[in-house]
Amino acid sequence: MVRANMIVVGMADLNVTKSPGILTTLGLGSCIGIALYDGIAKVAGLAHIMLPDSKAIQNNSNKAKFADTALVKLIADMERIGANRRYLKAKIAGGAQMFAFNATNDNLRVGDRNAEATKRVLAVHGIPLVASETGDSFGRTVELYAEDGRFVIKAIGQGIRTL
């Protein structure tokens, strides 16, 4: 259910909001939802990344598509509306293996590679990862509440969890 203060973040997209805003993204399969939150300013940011690294792709103009470039843009956009980088905390979800492929082929492990890259990029920027739900073989929809940093994960057949 989409509410009046809810902003939908599409695939390979990102957005930011202040309290009482809510950010949501649908259909995280192998993609990762990167949620950042500043609890002092009550500013939230959410990116729906598709791929781990912009350097491996020729057409990488969409910054929100890649873990490395999405995080930089997300931080900048959050700072522009009042967040302080020192207070940012991260939560992530997604990174599923949606199809049964040979797991030894690294190119087919997109979900795992997205999760690993996201964790590396967060570490490089000094942003603590305080909660994570990645992997498995099911898609997820997430909601990030700017009021208190709640990260709600919904998955068919898996119930609803709050990180």
C-alpha atoms as a PDB file:
ATOM      1  CA  MET A   1       0.000   0.000   0.000  1.00  0.00           C
ATOM      2  CA  VAL A   2       1.464   3.357  -1.044  1.00  0.00           C
ATOM      3  CA  ARG A   3       0.749   6.181   1.417  1.00  0.00           C
ATOM      4  CA  ALA A   4       0.786   9.932   0.810  1.00  0.00           C
ATOM      5  CA  ASN A   5       4.227  10.410   2.395  1.00  0.00           C
ATOM      6  CA  MET A   6       5.742   7.379   0.612  1.00  0.00           C
ATOM      7  CA  ILE A   7       8.294   7.820  -2.178  1.00  0.00           C
ATOM      8  CA  VAL A   8       8.782   4.893  -4.542  1.00  0.00           C
ATOM      9  CA  VAL A   9      12.383   4.294  -5.585  1.00  0.00           C
ATOM     10  CA  GLY A  10      12.607   2.453  -8.900  1.00  0.00           C
ATOM     11  CA  MET A  11      15.202  -0.018 -10.082  1.00  0.00           C
ATOM     12  CA  ALA A  12      18.606   1.642 -10.624  1.00  0.00           C
ATOM     13  CA  ASP A  13      17.280   4.698  -8.799  1.00  0.00           C
ATOM     14  CA  LEU A  14      17.693   6.439  -5.452  1.00  0.00           C
ATOM     15  CA  ASN A  15      15.961   9.074  -3.386  1.00  0.00           C
ATOM     16  CA  VAL A  16      16.125  10.844  -0.026  1.00  0.00           C
ATOM     17  CA  THR A  17      13.565  12.222   2.420  1.00  0.00           C
ATOM     18  CA  LYS A  18      13.135  13.815   5.818  1.00  0.00           C
ATOM     19  CA  SER A  19      10.759  12.668   8.546  1.00  0.00           C
ATOM     20  CA  PRO A  20       7.883  11.802   8.247  1.00  0.00           C
ATOM     21  CA  GLY A  21       8.748  10.505   4.763  1.00  0.00           C
ATOM     22  CA  ILE A  22       8.936   6.848   3.834  1.00  0.00           C
ATOM     23  CA  LEU A  23      11.062   5.416   1.014  1.00  0.00           C
ATOM     24  CA  THR A  24      10.181   2.101  -0.604  1.00  0.00           C
ATOM     25  CA  THR A  25      11.538  -0.062  -3.380  1.00  0.00           C
ATOM     26  CA  LEU A  26       9.876  -3.101  -4.885  1.00  0.00           C
ATOM     27  CA  GLY A  27      11.206  -6.303  -6.334  1.00  0.00           C
ATOM     28  CA  LEU A  28      14.709  -6.620  -4.930  1.00  0.00           C
ATOM     29  CA  GLY A  29      15.909  -9.906  -6.416  1.00  0.00           C
ATOM     30  CA  SER A  30      19.649  -9.943  -7.030  1.00  0.00           C
ATOM     31  CA  CYS A  31      19.568  -6.154  -6.595  1.00  0.00           C
ATOM     32  CA  ILE A  32      20.428  -4.557  -3.251  1.00  0.00           C
ATOM     33  CA  GLY A  33      18.451  -1.956  -1.358  1.00  0.00           C
ATOM     34  CA  ILE A  34      20.929   0.304   0.428  1.00  0.00           C
ATOM     35  CA  ALA A  35      19.243   2.212   3.247  1.00  0.00           C
ATOM     36  CA  LEU A  36      21.120   5.048   4.947  1.00  0.00           C
ATOM     37  CA  TYR A  37      19.781   6.878   7.973  1.00  0.00           C
ATOM     38  CA  ASP A  38      20.842   9.874  10.074  1.00  0.00           C
ATOM     39  CA  GLY A  39      18.951   9.524  13.367  1.00  0.00           C
ATOM     40  CA  ILE A  40      19.830  13.033  14.543  1.00  0.00           C
ATOM     41  CA  ALA A  41      18.556  14.907  11.465  1.00  0.00           C
ATOM     42  CA  LYS A  42      15.928  12.216  10.726  1.00  0.00           C
ATOM     43  CA  VAL A  43      17.033  12.023   7.104  1.00  0.00           C
ATOM     44  CA  ALA A  44      16.768   8.772   5.155  1.00  0.00           C
ATOM     45  CA  GLY A  45      18.122   7.675   1.789  1.00  0.00           C
ATOM     46  CA  LEU A  46      17.440   4.558  -0.255  1.00  0.00           C
ATOM     47  CA  ALA A  47      19.187   3.241  -3.375  1.00  0.00           C
ATOM     48  CA  HIS A  48      18.105   0.249  -5.498  1.00  0.00           C
ATOM     49  CA  ILE A  49      21.377  -0.885  -7.061  1.00  0.00           C
ATOM     50  CA  MET A  50      21.605  -3.466  -9.821  1.00  0.00           C
ATOM     51  CA  LEU A  51      25.334  -4.091 -10.223  1.00  0.00           C
ATOM     52  CA  PRO A  52      28.405  -4.058  -7.981  1.00  0.00           C
ATOM     53  CA  ASP A  53      30.869  -1.871  -9.867  1.00  0.00           C
ATOM     54  CA  SER A  54      30.563   0.905 -12.454  1.00  0.00           C
ATOM     55  CA  LYS A  55      34.145   0.411 -13.675  1.00  0.00           C
ATOM     56  CA  ALA A  56      33.326  -2.906 -15.348  1.00  0.00           C
ATOM     57  CA  ILE A  57      30.544  -1.405 -17.511  1.00  0.00           C
ATOM     58  CA  GLN A  58      31.001   0.882 -20.503  1.00  0.00           C
ATOM     59  CA  ASN A  59      27.699   2.788 -20.207  1.00  0.00           C
ATOM     60  CA  ASN A  60      27.797   3.739 -16.543  1.00  0.00           C
ATOM     61  CA  SER A  61      26.137   7.166 -16.657  1.00  0.00           C
ATOM     62  CA  ASN A  62      23.332   6.098 -14.281  1.00  0.00           C
ATOM     63  CA  LYS A  63      25.042   6.545 -10.902  1.00  0.00           C
ATOM     64  CA  ALA A  64      22.200   4.839  -9.002  1.00  0.00           C
ATOM     65  CA  LYS A  65      22.721   1.569 -10.898  1.00  0.00           C
ATOM     66  CA  PHE A  66      26.029   0.635  -9.242  1.00  0.00           C
ATOM     67  CA  ALA A  67      27.039   0.128  -5.601  1.00  0.00           C
ATOM     68  CA  ASP A  68      30.184   2.252  -5.868  1.00  0.00           C
ATOM     69  CA  THR A  69      28.593   5.317  -7.482  1.00  0.00           C
ATOM     70  CA  ALA A  70      25.121   5.088  -5.877  1.00  0.00           C
ATOM     71  CA  LEU A  71      26.529   5.366  -2.374  1.00  0.00           C
ATOM     72  CA  VAL A  72      28.487   8.527  -3.210  1.00  0.00           C
ATOM     73  CA  LYS A  73      25.404  10.177  -4.735  1.00  0.00           C
ATOM     74  CA  LEU A  74      23.139   8.996  -1.915  1.00  0.00           C
ATOM     75  CA  ILE A  75      25.427  10.518   0.733  1.00  0.00           C
ATOM     76  CA  ALA A  76      25.646  13.819  -1.176  1.00  0.00           C
ATOM     77  CA  ASP A  77      21.872  14.009  -1.652  1.00  0.00           C
ATOM     78  CA  MET A  78      21.287  13.290   2.042  1.00  0.00           C
ATOM     79  CA  GLU A  79      23.804  15.933   3.128  1.00  0.00           C
ATOM     80  CA  ARG A  80      22.059  18.432   0.849  1.00  0.00           C
ATOM     81  CA  ILE A  81      18.834  18.076   2.892  1.00  0.00           C
ATOM     82  CA  GLY A  82      20.493  18.144   6.307  1.00  0.00           C
ATOM     83  CA  ALA A  83      22.109  14.782   7.065  1.00  0.00           C
ATOM     84  CA  ASN A  84      25.556  14.598   8.629  1.00  0.00           C
ATOM     85  CA  ARG A  85      27.850  11.895   7.238  1.00  0.00           C
ATOM     86  CA  ARG A  86      29.198  11.185  10.754  1.00  0.00           C
ATOM     87  CA  TYR A  87      25.777   9.987  11.912  1.00  0.00           C
ATOM     88  CA  LEU A  88      24.905   7.771   8.946  1.00  0.00           C
ATOM     89  CA  LYS A  89      24.144   4.118   9.543  1.00  0.00           C
ATOM     90  CA  ALA A  90      23.357   1.540   6.862  1.00  0.00           C
ATOM     91  CA  LYS A  91      20.993  -1.380   6.463  1.00  0.00           C
ATOM     92  CA  ILE A  92      20.828  -3.542   3.345  1.00  0.00           C
ATOM     93  CA  ALA A  93      18.521  -6.159   1.855  1.00  0.00           C
ATOM     94  CA  GLY A  94      18.327  -8.162  -1.371  1.00  0.00           C
ATOM     95  CA  GLY A  95      21.148  -9.923  -3.145  1.00  0.00           C
ATOM     96  CA  ALA A  96      19.164 -13.080  -3.798  1.00  0.00           C
ATOM     97  CA  GLN A  97      20.170 -15.887  -6.155  1.00  0.00           C
ATOM     98  CA  MET A  98      16.950 -15.854  -8.147  1.00  0.00           C
ATOM     99  CA  PHE A  99      17.805 -18.621 -10.618  1.00  0.00           C
ATOM    100  CA  ALA A 100      19.419 -22.023 -10.197  1.00  0.00           C
ATOM    101  CA  PHE A 101      22.760 -21.638 -11.945  1.00  0.00           C
ATOM    102  CA  ASN A 102      26.136 -23.167 -11.337  1.00  0.00           C
ATOM    103  CA  ALA A 103      27.250 -21.180  -8.298  1.00  0.00           C
ATOM    104  CA  THR A 104      30.919 -21.574  -9.214  1.00  0.00           C
ATOM    105  CA  ASN A 105      30.502 -19.173 -12.163  1.00  0.00           C
ATOM    106  CA  ASP A 106      31.144 -15.766 -10.560  1.00  0.00           C
ATOM    107  CA  ASN A 107      29.304 -13.887 -13.339  1.00  0.00           C
ATOM    108  CA  LEU A 108      26.070 -15.641 -12.383  1.00  0.00           C
ATOM    109  CA  ARG A 109      26.412 -14.828  -8.662  1.00  0.00           C
ATOM    110  CA  VAL A 110      25.125 -11.276  -9.154  1.00  0.00           C
ATOM    111  CA  GLY A 111      23.294 -11.140  -5.817  1.00  0.00           C
ATOM    112  CA  ASP A 112      26.330 -12.245  -3.808  1.00  0.00           C
ATOM    113  CA  ARG A 113      28.598  -9.889  -5.750  1.00  0.00           C
ATOM    114  CA  ASN A 114      26.184  -6.976  -5.143  1.00  0.00           C
ATOM    115  CA  ALA A 115      26.085  -7.679  -1.393  1.00  0.00           C
ATOM    116  CA  GLU A 116      29.880  -8.013  -1.141  1.00  0.00           C
ATOM    117  CA  ALA A 117      30.476  -4.812  -3.134  1.00  0.00           C
ATOM    118  CA  THR A 118      27.947  -2.875  -1.066  1.00  0.00           C
ATOM    119  CA  LYS A 119      29.642  -3.925   2.177  1.00  0.00           C
ATOM    120  CA  ARG A 120      33.059  -2.931   0.780  1.00  0.00           C
ATOM    121  CA  VAL A 121      31.834   0.492  -0.372  1.00  0.00           C
ATOM    122  CA  LEU A 122      30.161   1.184   2.982  1.00  0.00           C
ATOM    123  CA  ALA A 123      33.432   0.294   4.752  1.00  0.00           C
ATOM    124  CA  VAL A 124      35.451   2.574   2.455  1.00  0.00           C
ATOM    125  CA  HIS A 125      33.134   5.469   3.345  1.00  0.00           C
ATOM    126  CA  GLY A 126      33.209   4.634   7.052  1.00  0.00           C
ATOM    127  CA  ILE A 127      29.476   3.966   7.294  1.00  0.00           C
ATOM    128  CA  PRO A 128      28.623   1.189   9.754  1.00  0.00           C
ATOM    129  CA  LEU A 129      26.393  -1.605   8.470  1.00  0.00           C
ATOM    130  CA  VAL A 130      24.046  -2.179  11.407  1.00  0.00           C
ATOM    131  CA  ALA A 131      21.654  -4.704   9.817  1.00  0.00           C
ATOM    132  CA  SER A 132      21.573  -6.914   6.768  1.00  0.00           C
ATOM    133  CA  GLU A 133      19.291  -9.466   5.151  1.00  0.00           C
ATOM    134  CA  THR A 134      20.814 -10.730   1.923  1.00  0.00           C
ATOM    135  CA  GLY A 135      20.988 -13.935  -0.068  1.00  0.00           C
ATOM    136  CA  ASP A 136      18.493 -16.782  -0.238  1.00  0.00           C
ATOM    137  CA  SER A 137      16.352 -17.246  -3.351  1.00  0.00           C
ATOM    138  CA  PHE A 138      13.378 -14.917  -2.895  1.00  0.00           C
ATOM    139  CA  GLY A 139      12.647 -11.312  -3.785  1.00  0.00           C
ATOM    140  CA  ARG A 140      12.006  -8.566  -1.280  1.00  0.00           C
ATOM    141  CA  THR A 141      10.228  -5.238  -0.998  1.00  0.00           C
ATOM    142  CA  VAL A 142      11.581  -2.767   1.558  1.00  0.00           C
ATOM    143  CA  GLU A 143      10.391   0.374   3.315  1.00  0.00           C
ATOM    144  CA  LEU A 144      12.651   2.862   5.111  1.00  0.00           C
ATOM    145  CA  TYR A 145      11.046   5.211   7.630  1.00  0.00           C
ATOM    146  CA  ALA A 146      12.783   8.581   8.078  1.00  0.00           C
ATOM    147  CA  GLU A 147      11.044   9.057  11.425  1.00  0.00           C
ATOM    148  CA  ASP A 148      13.046   6.351  13.205  1.00  0.00           C
ATOM    149  CA  GLY A 149      15.179   4.427  10.668  1.00  0.00           C
ATOM    150  CA  ARG A 150      12.949   1.348  10.648  1.00  0.00           C
ATOM    151  CA  PHE A 151      13.752  -0.870   7.673  1.00  0.00           C
ATOM    152  CA  VAL A 152      10.784  -3.127   6.940  1.00  0.00           C
ATOM    153  CA  ILE A 153      11.356  -6.114   4.659  1.00  0.00           C
ATOM    154  CA  LYS A 154       8.456  -7.935   3.020  1.00  0.00           C
ATOM    155  CA  ALA A 155       8.791 -11.154   1.043  1.00  0.00           C
ATOM    156  CA  ILE A 156       6.080 -13.464  -0.273  1.00  0.00           C
ATOM    157  CA  GLY A 157       5.995 -16.588   1.850  1.00  0.00           C
ATOM    158  CA  GLN A 158       8.612 -15.173   4.238  1.00  0.00           C
ATOM    159  CA  GLY A 159       6.543 -12.738   6.269  1.00  0.00           C
ATOM    160  CA  ILE A 160       7.459  -9.218   7.354  1.00  0.00           C
ATOM    161  CA  ARG A 161      10.620  -8.379   9.292  1.00  0.00           C
ATOM    162  CA  THR A 162      11.851  -5.102  10.732  1.00  0.00           C
ATOM    163  CA  LEU A 163      15.560  -4.362  10.965  1.00  0.00           C
END
